[in-house]
Structures are given as structure tokens and as C-alpha cells.
Amino acid sequence: METAIKSKRIDITLSTQTLEQIDRIWPEFGYTSRSSFIDEAARRFALRLKKADMKRRLKAGYLDRAERDATFNNELDVLAPESV
């Protein structure tokens, strides 16, 4: 069973250039309306921002843990040096 997505009408302001570009593009790519095009574009952009933030936070976590792990490894070497 398909769930209907609720929509809400809002007023937005776009530059004339942006609106002209959207009006040229949306019919070419099979969108049923300007609104459906803008809705999908906004959802995709929001997801892209969310993914970029997640990657940034993961990288920061990796870097934080890398310093901790290096310290831990050095302490292990002092306690139990590898025999050659």
C-alpha cells in the first residue's frame, strides 16, 4: 500500500535566473510540475548536506581516536616490546 505524502503550500522567492532555469529543465526530465522539481531538488540537497556533515564528523572522530590509539600503542610497546 502506497502512503500519500502530504504537501504544504509555501511562498518562496527565487531569482529570475533560477526560475527561468528551473522552467527550462523540469519538463525535460519528466517532472509533473515546477513544484515537484523543486521539492525533489530541495530533498536531494538537504540529504547531500546531511551526508557531508556526517562524513565531516566521522573524520573528526577518526582523527581523535587515531591520536588516542597511537598513544595506547606506544604504551603497549613500552610495557611489552616486540621481540625480534
C-alpha atoms as a PDB file:
ATOM      1  CA  MET A   1       0.000   0.000   0.000  1.00  0.00           C
ATOM      2  CA  GLU A   2       1.448   3.365  -1.032  1.00  0.00           C
ATOM      3  CA  THR A   3       1.473   6.123   1.551  1.00  0.00           C
ATOM      4  CA  ALA A   4       0.416   9.552   0.338  1.00  0.00           C
ATOM      5  CA  ILE A   5       2.932  12.285   1.022  1.00  0.00           C
ATOM      6  CA  LYS A   6       1.346  15.392   2.477  1.00  0.00           C
ATOM      7  CA  SER A   7       2.258  18.672   0.871  1.00  0.00           C
ATOM      8  CA  LYS A   8       2.052  22.192   2.184  1.00  0.00           C
ATOM      9  CA  ARG A   9       1.852  25.312   0.064  1.00  0.00           C
ATOM     10  CA  ILE A  10       4.522  27.916   0.836  1.00  0.00           C
ATOM     11  CA  ASP A  11       5.713  31.149  -0.735  1.00  0.00           C
ATOM     12  CA  ILE A  12       9.374  31.350  -1.724  1.00  0.00           C
ATOM     13  CA  THR A  13      11.420  33.932  -3.556  1.00  0.00           C
ATOM     14  CA  LEU A  14      13.826  32.839  -6.279  1.00  0.00           C
ATOM     15  CA  SER A  15      15.957  34.897  -8.587  1.00  0.00           C
ATOM     16  CA  THR A  16      14.580  35.359 -12.078  1.00  0.00           C
ATOM     17  CA  GLN A  17      17.587  33.481 -13.461  1.00  0.00           C
ATOM     18  CA  THR A  18      16.976  30.480 -11.171  1.00  0.00           C
ATOM     19  CA  LEU A  19      13.282  30.362 -12.021  1.00  0.00           C
ATOM     20  CA  GLU A  20      13.996  30.543 -15.760  1.00  0.00           C
ATOM     21  CA  GLN A  21      16.491  27.693 -15.429  1.00  0.00           C
ATOM     22  CA  ILE A  22      14.001  25.564 -13.483  1.00  0.00           C
ATOM     23  CA  ASP A  23      11.268  26.249 -16.029  1.00  0.00           C
ATOM     24  CA  ARG A  24      13.545  25.098 -18.854  1.00  0.00           C
ATOM     25  CA  ILE A  25      14.603  21.933 -17.033  1.00  0.00           C
ATOM     26  CA  TRP A  26      11.644  20.399 -15.202  1.00  0.00           C
ATOM     27  CA  PRO A  27       9.604  19.319 -18.258  1.00  0.00           C
ATOM     28  CA  GLU A  28      12.680  17.780 -19.929  1.00  0.00           C
ATOM     29  CA  PHE A  29      13.275  15.419 -17.028  1.00  0.00           C
ATOM     30  CA  GLY A  30       9.740  14.144 -16.622  1.00  0.00           C
ATOM     31  CA  TYR A  31       8.610  16.164 -13.624  1.00  0.00           C
ATOM     32  CA  THR A  32       4.897  16.823 -13.495  1.00  0.00           C
ATOM     33  CA  SER A  33       5.301  20.370 -12.208  1.00  0.00           C
ATOM     34  CA  ARG A  34       7.723  23.037 -11.145  1.00  0.00           C
ATOM     35  CA  SER A  35       6.785  22.238  -7.542  1.00  0.00           C
ATOM     36  CA  SER A  36       7.658  18.549  -7.865  1.00  0.00           C
ATOM     37  CA  PHE A  37      11.045  19.504  -9.332  1.00  0.00           C
ATOM     38  CA  ILE A  38      11.805  21.993  -6.530  1.00  0.00           C
ATOM     39  CA  ASP A  39      10.595  19.503  -3.904  1.00  0.00           C
ATOM     40  CA  GLU A  40      12.963  16.790  -5.117  1.00  0.00           C
ATOM     41  CA  ALA A  41      15.849  19.229  -5.587  1.00  0.00           C
ATOM     42  CA  ALA A  42      15.431  20.507  -2.021  1.00  0.00           C
ATOM     43  CA  ARG A  43      15.245  16.954  -0.603  1.00  0.00           C
ATOM     44  CA  ARG A  44      18.352  15.872  -2.523  1.00  0.00           C
ATOM     45  CA  PHE A  45      20.302  18.956  -1.462  1.00  0.00           C
ATOM     46  CA  ALA A  46      19.289  18.506   2.196  1.00  0.00           C
ATOM     47  CA  LEU A  47      20.418  14.858   2.045  1.00  0.00           C
ATOM     48  CA  ARG A  48      23.723  15.889   0.458  1.00  0.00           C
ATOM     49  CA  LEU A  49      24.335  18.406   3.242  1.00  0.00           C
ATOM     50  CA  LYS A  50      23.453  15.814   5.876  1.00  0.00           C
ATOM     51  CA  LYS A  51      25.846  13.249   4.337  1.00  0.00           C
ATOM     52  CA  ALA A  52      28.653  15.811   4.096  1.00  0.00           C
ATOM     53  CA  ASP A  53      28.187  16.710   7.761  1.00  0.00           C
ATOM     54  CA  MET A  54      28.197  13.035   8.736  1.00  0.00           C
ATOM     55  CA  LYS A  55      31.449  12.460   6.815  1.00  0.00           C
ATOM     56  CA  ARG A  56      32.988  15.526   8.484  1.00  0.00           C
ATOM     57  CA  ARG A  57      32.005  14.290  11.949  1.00  0.00           C
ATOM     58  CA  LEU A  58      33.245  10.754  11.226  1.00  0.00           C
ATOM     59  CA  LYS A  59      36.590  12.098  10.021  1.00  0.00           C
ATOM     60  CA  ALA A  60      36.926  14.224  13.164  1.00  0.00           C
ATOM     61  CA  GLY A  61      36.169  11.141  15.266  1.00  0.00           C
ATOM     62  CA  TYR A  62      38.723   9.055  13.389  1.00  0.00           C
ATOM     63  CA  LEU A  63      41.375  11.727  13.896  1.00  0.00           C
ATOM     64  CA  ASP A  64      40.578  11.991  17.626  1.00  0.00           C
ATOM     65  CA  ARG A  65      40.765   8.210  18.030  1.00  0.00           C
ATOM     66  CA  ALA A  66      43.939   7.958  15.934  1.00  0.00           C
ATOM     67  CA  GLU A  67      45.820  10.107  18.437  1.00  0.00           C
ATOM     68  CA  ARG A  68      44.429   8.074  21.345  1.00  0.00           C
ATOM     69  CA  ASP A  69      45.233   4.794  19.609  1.00  0.00           C
ATOM     70  CA  ALA A  70      48.799   5.885  18.834  1.00  0.00           C
ATOM     71  CA  THR A  71      49.307   6.776  22.495  1.00  0.00           C
ATOM     72  CA  PHE A  72      47.879   3.422  23.553  1.00  0.00           C
ATOM     73  CA  ASN A  73      50.136   1.592  21.083  1.00  0.00           C
ATOM     74  CA  ASN A  74      53.211   3.433  22.380  1.00  0.00           C
ATOM     75  CA  GLU A  75      52.301   2.482  25.960  1.00  0.00           C
ATOM     76  CA  LEU A  76      51.971  -1.157  24.915  1.00  0.00           C
ATOM     77  CA  ASP A  77      55.402  -1.042  23.262  1.00  0.00           C
ATOM     78  CA  VAL A  78      56.919   0.252  26.489  1.00  0.00           C
ATOM     79  CA  LEU A  79      55.192  -2.448  28.568  1.00  0.00           C
ATOM     80  CA  ALA A  80      55.780  -5.329  26.189  1.00  0.00           C
ATOM     81  CA  PRO A  81      58.248  -4.577  23.385  1.00  0.00           C
ATOM     82  CA  GLU A  82      58.055  -6.914  20.440  1.00  0.00           C
ATOM     83  CA  SER A  83      60.878  -9.396  20.354  1.00  0.00           C
ATOM     84  CA  VAL A  84      62.751  -9.512  17.080  1.00  0.00           C
END
